[in-house]
């Protein structure tokens, strides 16, 4: 049984409304939303529609594209659609390579120069906080080491969650207990809720960046490390190449680009060489 079709309390998204919102998301953010994503959209948008006192998707779509709706709700809708699930230590081999192979070589060549890292699609913070943990653990062994970390996302809601750094116990259960005790505080009112300690939350600079826009080209720094994982899968091939090309403009020669496990740059004309699966170096 299709729950979305059988449940009368769940609003049904008509084809015209789906095409209108998916065309906007594709044009403005490069994210492709095939027909198969309609149940996902309904699941994410129904509560919002009900909260606005509306009774149909047509009414809702007309509103968010009106002058008033664009100001009040369109960003909220984009947040609901574009926020994606992530985890601490997702694709852990990336972090093992970073701390055990790349950083020792980096220090031998760059000395005390701060390592510049960009988590370009940070979602709700699991990736940048994993980076923080790894960098701080490395720093314990190499006190002279320093780093800067920028975390960005298209979703304001995701950035706010990342900034807060609050997670259910289930989200951090795979992290060793000694690491949890070092970097997290347990809630005094709910033992199943944890928060990144303030000293580590403050180490991250957050910025809203749409990877489709040229405006992120205003970033001044050349980064040594860029994470752009599990983002390209939402773009078509041409958009993928455009986005990675712009990222490369902010990656110093010899710097690393980390992609997701299902992402590839095969056949793209980019100044990158593959050194491991989903790991590329600027040439």
Foldseek 3Di string as FASTA:
>chain_A
DPCCVPPPLQAAADPVLVVVVQVVCCVPQQFHDDPVCRVVLSVQCRVVCVVVVHDHSVVVSVQCPDPVNVVPPVLVSVQSPPQDDDAACDVVVVLCCCLPPVVVVCCVPPPLPAAEEEAEACFQARVVVSVLLSQVVSCVVVVSYHYAYEYEHQHPVSLVNNLFQKDFQVRCVVPDPVSCVVFWDADPVDRRMIGGDPVSSVRYHYDYDRLQDCVVVPDDAQHQEYEDEPPCVRHDLVSSLVSVQSNLVRHDAFGKYAYYQPDDNPPHDHQWDDPDRRMIGGD
